[in-house]
Amino acid sequence: PATDLRSLMGSTGFVAEIGVGVVHHTQPRPTRSVAPASVSLHARLKYQFDPQGRLNPGVDVLTA
């Protein structure tokens, strides 16, 4: 539960921001390779649902 977050801060090194979906880590996530077909599909879907690029500008979930 959200009430337990304070107890996690010192021991694990992360803070979760409730309501916005952001998690801060002390180390970056390992890189991963994504198939070109997946990148293309992701770009087309993102454009269909967000043609003006207003949702999460500058954020690419495939490389984040």
PDB file of N, CA and C in Angstrom:
ATOM      1  N   PRO A   1       0.819  -1.210   0.000  1.00  0.00           N
ATOM      2  CA  PRO A   1       0.000   0.000   0.000  1.00  0.00           C
ATOM      3  C   PRO A   1       0.856   1.265   0.000  1.00  0.00           C
ATOM      4  N   ALA A   2       0.256   2.347  -0.413  1.00  0.00           N
ATOM      5  CA  ALA A   2       0.979   3.616  -0.500  1.00  0.00           C
ATOM      6  C   ALA A   2       1.550   4.041   0.844  1.00  0.00           C
ATOM      7  N   THR A   3       0.927   3.651   1.930  1.00  0.00           N
ATOM      8  CA  THR A   3       1.412   4.040   3.262  1.00  0.00           C
ATOM      9  C   THR A   3       2.755   3.404   3.589  1.00  0.00           C
ATOM     10  N   ASP A   4       3.142   2.344   2.888  1.00  0.00           N
ATOM     11  CA  ASP A   4       4.416   1.661   3.140  1.00  0.00           C
ATOM     12  C   ASP A   4       5.590   2.286   2.383  1.00  0.00           C
ATOM     13  N   LEU A   5       5.348   3.251   1.507  1.00  0.00           N
ATOM     14  CA  LEU A   5       6.419   3.819   0.688  1.00  0.00           C
ATOM     15  C   LEU A   5       7.518   4.464   1.517  1.00  0.00           C
ATOM     16  N   ARG A   6       7.169   5.146   2.571  1.00  0.00           N
ATOM     17  CA  ARG A   6       8.198   5.801   3.393  1.00  0.00           C
ATOM     18  C   ARG A   6       9.189   4.783   3.939  1.00  0.00           C
ATOM     19  N   SER A   7       8.737   3.608   4.302  1.00  0.00           N
ATOM     20  CA  SER A   7       9.638   2.600   4.855  1.00  0.00           C
ATOM     21  C   SER A   7      10.560   2.027   3.774  1.00  0.00           C
ATOM     22  N   LEU A   8      10.183   2.106   2.512  1.00  0.00           N
ATOM     23  CA  LEU A   8      11.002   1.575   1.426  1.00  0.00           C
ATOM     24  C   LEU A   8      12.096   2.534   0.978  1.00  0.00           C
ATOM     25  N   MET A   9      11.931   3.819   1.194  1.00  0.00           N
ATOM     26  CA  MET A   9      12.851   4.811   0.653  1.00  0.00           C
ATOM     27  C   MET A   9      14.296   4.574   1.072  1.00  0.00           C
ATOM     28  N   GLY A  10      14.557   4.335   2.323  1.00  0.00           N
ATOM     29  CA  GLY A  10      15.929   4.187   2.775  1.00  0.00           C
ATOM     30  C   GLY A  10      16.553   2.860   2.408  1.00  0.00           C
ATOM     31  N   SER A  11      15.778   1.810   2.341  1.00  0.00           N
ATOM     32  CA  SER A  11      16.345   0.479   2.158  1.00  0.00           C
ATOM     33  C   SER A  11      16.569   0.093   0.702  1.00  0.00           C
ATOM     34  N   THR A  12      15.752   0.586  -0.204  1.00  0.00           N
ATOM     35  CA  THR A  12      15.858   0.133  -1.599  1.00  0.00           C
ATOM     36  C   THR A  12      16.391   1.184  -2.548  1.00  0.00           C
ATOM     37  N   GLY A  13      16.392   2.438  -2.170  1.00  0.00           N
ATOM     38  CA  GLY A  13      16.945   3.482  -3.012  1.00  0.00           C
ATOM     39  C   GLY A  13      16.026   3.955  -4.117  1.00  0.00           C
ATOM     40  N   PHE A  14      14.708   3.811  -3.968  1.00  0.00           N
ATOM     41  CA  PHE A  14      13.812   4.352  -4.978  1.00  0.00           C
ATOM     42  C   PHE A  14      12.651   5.064  -4.316  1.00  0.00           C
ATOM     43  N   VAL A  15      12.037   5.945  -5.081  1.00  0.00           N
ATOM     44  CA  VAL A  15      10.844   6.644  -4.635  1.00  0.00           C
ATOM     45  C   VAL A  15       9.833   6.545  -5.759  1.00  0.00           C
ATOM     46  N   ALA A  16       8.631   6.125  -5.451  1.00  0.00           N
ATOM     47  CA  ALA A  16       7.558   6.063  -6.441  1.00  0.00           C
ATOM     48  C   ALA A  16       6.653   7.264  -6.234  1.00  0.00           C
ATOM     49  N   GLU A  17       6.303   7.939  -7.317  1.00  0.00           N
ATOM     50  CA  GLU A  17       5.396   9.075  -7.235  1.00  0.00           C
ATOM     51  C   GLU A  17       3.996   8.566  -7.566  1.00  0.00           C
ATOM     52  N   ILE A  18       3.168   8.481  -6.578  1.00  0.00           N
ATOM     53  CA  ILE A  18       1.831   7.941  -6.745  1.00  0.00           C
ATOM     54  C   ILE A  18       0.998   8.888  -7.601  1.00  0.00           C
ATOM     55  N   GLY A  19       0.341   8.331  -8.599  1.00  0.00           N
ATOM     56  CA  GLY A  19      -0.559   9.122  -9.430  1.00  0.00           C
ATOM     57  C   GLY A  19       0.011   9.520 -10.769  1.00  0.00           C
ATOM     58  N   VAL A  20       1.319   9.514 -10.921  1.00  0.00           N
ATOM     59  CA  VAL A  20       1.891   9.910 -12.202  1.00  0.00           C
ATOM     60  C   VAL A  20       2.662   8.782 -12.877  1.00  0.00           C
ATOM     61  N   GLY A  21       2.878   7.684 -12.188  1.00  0.00           N
ATOM     62  CA  GLY A  21       3.527   6.536 -12.802  1.00  0.00           C
ATOM     63  C   GLY A  21       5.019   6.663 -12.997  1.00  0.00           C
ATOM     64  N   VAL A  22       5.696   7.486 -12.201  1.00  0.00           N
ATOM     65  CA  VAL A  22       7.131   7.677 -12.343  1.00  0.00           C
ATOM     66  C   VAL A  22       7.835   6.969 -11.190  1.00  0.00           C
ATOM     67  N   VAL A  23       8.877   6.213 -11.506  1.00  0.00           N
ATOM     68  CA  VAL A  23       9.676   5.562 -10.484  1.00  0.00           C
ATOM     69  C   VAL A  23      11.119   5.983 -10.695  1.00  0.00           C
ATOM     70  N   HIS A  24      11.768   6.440  -9.632  1.00  0.00           N
ATOM     71  CA  HIS A  24      13.160   6.880  -9.710  1.00  0.00           C
ATOM     72  C   HIS A  24      14.057   5.774  -9.169  1.00  0.00           C
ATOM     73  N   HIS A  25      15.087   5.430  -9.907  1.00  0.00           N
ATOM     74  CA  HIS A  25      16.022   4.390  -9.496  1.00  0.00           C
ATOM     75  C   HIS A  25      17.404   4.996  -9.304  1.00  0.00           C
ATOM     76  N   THR A  26      18.242   4.312  -8.539  1.00  0.00           N
ATOM     77  CA  THR A  26      19.611   4.784  -8.352  1.00  0.00           C
ATOM     78  C   THR A  26      20.525   4.308  -9.472  1.00  0.00           C
ATOM     79  N   GLN A  27      20.116   3.275 -10.209  1.00  0.00           N
ATOM     80  CA  GLN A  27      20.901   2.765 -11.340  1.00  0.00           C
ATOM     81  C   GLN A  27      20.023   2.711 -12.581  1.00  0.00           C
ATOM     82  N   PRO A  28      20.578   2.995 -13.765  1.00  0.00           N
ATOM     83  CA  PRO A  28      19.762   2.947 -14.979  1.00  0.00           C
ATOM     84  C   PRO A  28      19.344   1.523 -15.318  1.00  0.00           C
ATOM     85  N   ARG A  29      18.241   1.422 -16.028  1.00  0.00           N
ATOM     86  CA  ARG A  29      17.760   0.125 -16.471  1.00  0.00           C
ATOM     87  C   ARG A  29      18.711  -0.434 -17.533  1.00  0.00           C
ATOM     88  N   PRO A  30      18.953  -1.718 -17.542  1.00  0.00           N
ATOM     89  CA  PRO A  30      19.813  -2.294 -18.580  1.00  0.00           C
ATOM     90  C   PRO A  30      19.227  -2.042 -19.968  1.00  0.00           C
ATOM     91  N   THR A  31      20.094  -1.823 -20.924  1.00  0.00           N
ATOM     92  CA  THR A  31      19.617  -1.595 -22.291  1.00  0.00           C
ATOM     93  C   THR A  31      19.053  -2.890 -22.867  1.00  0.00           C
ATOM     94  N   ARG A  32      18.156  -2.738 -23.803  1.00  0.00           N
ATOM     95  CA  ARG A  32      17.560  -3.903 -24.445  1.00  0.00           C
ATOM     96  C   ARG A  32      17.410  -3.611 -25.924  1.00  0.00           C
ATOM     97  N   SER A  33      17.451  -4.651 -26.710  1.00  0.00           N
ATOM     98  CA  SER A  33      17.261  -4.458 -28.137  1.00  0.00           C
ATOM     99  C   SER A  33      15.794  -4.726 -28.466  1.00  0.00           C
ATOM    100  N   VAL A  34      15.271  -3.934 -29.376  1.00  0.00           N
ATOM    101  CA  VAL A  34      13.874  -4.055 -29.778  1.00  0.00           C
ATOM    102  C   VAL A  34      13.851  -4.327 -31.276  1.00  0.00           C
ATOM    103  N   ALA A  35      13.064  -5.294 -31.666  1.00  0.00           N
ATOM    104  CA  ALA A  35      12.957  -5.664 -33.080  1.00  0.00           C
ATOM    105  C   ALA A  35      12.436  -4.477 -33.888  1.00  0.00           C
ATOM    106  N   PRO A  36      12.991  -4.267 -35.081  1.00  0.00           N
ATOM    107  CA  PRO A  36      12.535  -3.160 -35.928  1.00  0.00           C
ATOM    108  C   PRO A  36      11.024  -3.189 -36.199  1.00  0.00           C
ATOM    109  N   ALA A  37      10.452  -4.377 -36.320  1.00  0.00           N
ATOM    110  CA  ALA A  37       9.004  -4.475 -36.545  1.00  0.00           C
ATOM    111  C   ALA A  37       8.231  -3.933 -35.344  1.00  0.00           C
ATOM    112  N   SER A  38       8.732  -4.161 -34.145  1.00  0.00           N
ATOM    113  CA  SER A  38       8.079  -3.644 -32.936  1.00  0.00           C
ATOM    114  C   SER A  38       8.187  -2.129 -32.871  1.00  0.00           C
ATOM    115  N   VAL A  39       9.329  -1.597 -33.254  1.00  0.00           N
ATOM    116  CA  VAL A  39       9.531  -0.139 -33.267  1.00  0.00           C
ATOM    117  C   VAL A  39       8.560   0.504 -34.248  1.00  0.00           C
ATOM    118  N   SER A  40       8.428  -0.091 -35.424  1.00  0.00           N
ATOM    119  CA  SER A  40       7.518   0.435 -36.436  1.00  0.00           C
ATOM    120  C   SER A  40       6.072   0.382 -35.966  1.00  0.00           C
ATOM    121  N   LEU A  41       5.657  -0.745 -35.406  1.00  0.00           N
ATOM    122  CA  LEU A  41       4.294  -0.891 -34.900  1.00  0.00           C
ATOM    123  C   LEU A  41       4.023   0.123 -33.789  1.00  0.00           C
ATOM    124  N   HIS A  42       4.983   0.288 -32.894  1.00  0.00           N
ATOM    125  CA  HIS A  42       4.828   1.246 -31.794  1.00  0.00           C
ATOM    126  C   HIS A  42       4.651   2.663 -32.332  1.00  0.00           C
ATOM    127  N   ALA A  43       5.440   3.038 -33.306  1.00  0.00           N
ATOM    128  CA  ALA A  43       5.353   4.383 -33.879  1.00  0.00           C
ATOM    129  C   ALA A  43       3.994   4.614 -34.541  1.00  0.00           C
ATOM    130  N   ARG A  44       3.512   3.611 -35.264  1.00  0.00           N
ATOM    131  CA  ARG A  44       2.210   3.752 -35.930  1.00  0.00           C
ATOM    132  C   ARG A  44       1.067   3.843 -34.917  1.00  0.00           C
ATOM    133  N   LEU A  45       1.117   3.013 -33.884  1.00  0.00           N
ATOM    134  CA  LEU A  45       0.073   3.065 -32.857  1.00  0.00           C
ATOM    135  C   LEU A  45       0.099   4.393 -32.110  1.00  0.00           C
ATOM    136  N   LYS A  46       1.303   4.841 -31.763  1.00  0.00           N
ATOM    137  CA  LYS A  46       1.413   6.116 -31.054  1.00  0.00           C
ATOM    138  C   LYS A  46       0.851   7.246 -31.904  1.00  0.00           C
ATOM    139  N   TYR A  47       1.142   7.239 -33.188  1.00  0.00           N
ATOM    140  CA  TYR A  47       0.627   8.286 -34.063  1.00  0.00           C
ATOM    141  C   TYR A  47      -0.896   8.215 -34.177  1.00  0.00           C
ATOM    142  N   GLN A  48      -1.446   7.007 -34.254  1.00  0.00           N
ATOM    143  CA  GLN A  48      -2.903   6.856 -34.356  1.00  0.00           C
ATOM    144  C   GLN A  48      -3.618   7.408 -33.127  1.00  0.00           C
ATOM    145  N   PHE A  49      -3.065   7.162 -31.943  1.00  0.00           N
ATOM    146  CA  PHE A  49      -3.713   7.597 -30.720  1.00  0.00           C
ATOM    147  C   PHE A  49      -3.281   8.985 -30.261  1.00  0.00           C
ATOM    148  N   ASP A  50      -2.156   9.481 -30.762  1.00  0.00           N
ATOM    149  CA  ASP A  50      -1.626  10.781 -30.346  1.00  0.00           C
ATOM    150  C   ASP A  50      -0.955  11.473 -31.528  1.00  0.00           C
ATOM    151  N   PRO A  51      -1.730  11.847 -32.549  1.00  0.00           N
ATOM    152  CA  PRO A  51      -1.126  12.409 -33.768  1.00  0.00           C
ATOM    153  C   PRO A  51      -0.380  13.730 -33.559  1.00  0.00           C
ATOM    154  N   GLN A  52      -0.723  14.472 -32.530  1.00  0.00           N
ATOM    155  CA  GLN A  52      -0.041  15.745 -32.281  1.00  0.00           C
ATOM    156  C   GLN A  52       1.111  15.607 -31.293  1.00  0.00           C
ATOM    157  N   GLY A  53       1.361  14.403 -30.780  1.00  0.00           N
ATOM    158  CA  GLY A  53       2.487  14.173 -29.889  1.00  0.00           C
ATOM    159  C   GLY A  53       2.381  14.846 -28.537  1.00  0.00           C
ATOM    160  N   ARG A  54       1.172  14.984 -28.015  1.00  0.00           N
ATOM    161  CA  ARG A  54       0.975  15.678 -26.740  1.00  0.00           C
ATOM    162  C   ARG A  54       1.160  14.775 -25.526  1.00  0.00           C
ATOM    163  N   LEU A  55       0.985  13.473 -25.696  1.00  0.00           N
ATOM    164  CA  LEU A  55       1.079  12.560 -24.562  1.00  0.00           C
ATOM    165  C   LEU A  55       2.524  12.126 -24.359  1.00  0.00           C
ATOM    166  N   ASN A  56       3.078  12.418 -23.206  1.00  0.00           N
ATOM    167  CA  ASN A  56       4.455  12.082 -22.864  1.00  0.00           C
ATOM    168  C   ASN A  56       5.452  12.536 -23.931  1.00  0.00           C
ATOM    169  N   PRO A  57       5.491  13.819 -24.237  1.00  0.00           N
ATOM    170  CA  PRO A  57       6.433  14.286 -25.266  1.00  0.00           C
ATOM    171  C   PRO A  57       7.870  14.012 -24.865  1.00  0.00           C
ATOM    172  N   GLY A  58       8.639  13.501 -25.803  1.00  0.00           N
ATOM    173  CA  GLY A  58      10.045  13.207 -25.550  1.00  0.00           C
ATOM    174  C   GLY A  58      10.293  11.906 -24.838  1.00  0.00           C
ATOM    175  N   VAL A  59       9.246  11.141 -24.515  1.00  0.00           N
ATOM    176  CA  VAL A  59       9.410   9.870 -23.817  1.00  0.00           C
ATOM    177  C   VAL A  59       9.178   8.742 -24.801  1.00  0.00           C
ATOM    178  N   ASP A  60      10.153   7.863 -24.910  1.00  0.00           N
ATOM    179  CA  ASP A  60      10.027   6.691 -25.779  1.00  0.00           C
ATOM    180  C   ASP A  60      10.125   5.447 -24.894  1.00  0.00           C
ATOM    181  N   VAL A  61       9.002   4.767 -24.707  1.00  0.00           N
ATOM    182  CA  VAL A  61       8.975   3.634 -23.798  1.00  0.00           C
ATOM    183  C   VAL A  61       9.811   2.458 -24.292  1.00  0.00           C
ATOM    184  N   LEU A  62      10.120   2.431 -25.569  1.00  0.00           N
ATOM    185  CA  LEU A  62      10.932   1.338 -26.097  1.00  0.00           C
ATOM    186  C   LEU A  62      12.409   1.503 -25.754  1.00  0.00           C
ATOM    187  N   THR A  63      12.854   2.711 -25.533  1.00  0.00           N
ATOM    188  CA  THR A  63      14.265   2.929 -25.222  1.00  0.00           C
ATOM    189  C   THR A  63      14.470   3.406 -23.792  1.00  0.00           C
ATOM    190  N   ALA A  64      13.386   3.733 -23.104  1.00  0.00           N
ATOM    191  CA  ALA A  64      13.505   4.249 -21.729  1.00  0.00           C
ATOM    192  C   ALA A  64      13.982   3.191 -20.775  1.00  0.00           C
TER     193      ALA A  64
END
